[in-house]
Amino acid sequence: MMDINRRISRRVQQLRAARGFSLEALATRCDVSRSMISLIERGETSPTAVVLEKIATGLGVTLGSLFDDADAAPRPVSTAADRTTWKDPQSGYRRRNISPVNFPSPIRIVEVEFPAGARVDYETGSRDHAVAQQIWIREGSMEITVGKVTHRLGPDDCLAMQLDAPVSFRNRTRKAARYIVVLAS
């Protein structure tokens, strides 16, 4: 199985090339420096979730699609062996794509473990296309702010939202939270 940073680097390269963007054009679209994008594409850095979200938005895709294996053939089944866990080097949160890789579906499922005391702020709001997201808390609790509205979620709560405003994820507790994210675009 390919190292997750290498997988991200190949996927960013593939998506950028498919859109005909130069490094400079993508940097302008996503407000990430050209040198950082170059480091990511060469697999020489572990980018944070915030940086990857900006790049994904600039490429017109969801964050989760950056973790797909660019060379994998699409298939309708995802097994445990297919899944790679990615850890955000800044917050320590872990995410794992559950949906089958590269399968043409408007739905994507992601599993997240969010550490106690961690916070991630996604500044990106507007997208070229509508993306709906639901977050189903399985264990622990989360504080999720969408735009200016804060939602406090506990076990078995589910939040539905559109990804059209900045979003902050925060775990104010001393226990990790686990949740499932379902995205549709």
Foldseek 3Di string as FASTA:
>chain_A
DDDQLQQLLVQLVVLCVVVPHDLVRLCVQLVNDSVVNVCSNVSNDQAALQSLQSSCQSSQHGSVLSRARPPDDFDADDDPVNWDWRAGPPQRKIKIWHGTGPHPAQKTKMKIKGAAFGKDKHQDAQHPDKKKKKKAWQAAWKWKAFAHDIDTDHHGDMDIDIRRGIMMIGHNGNGITIIMMMMGD
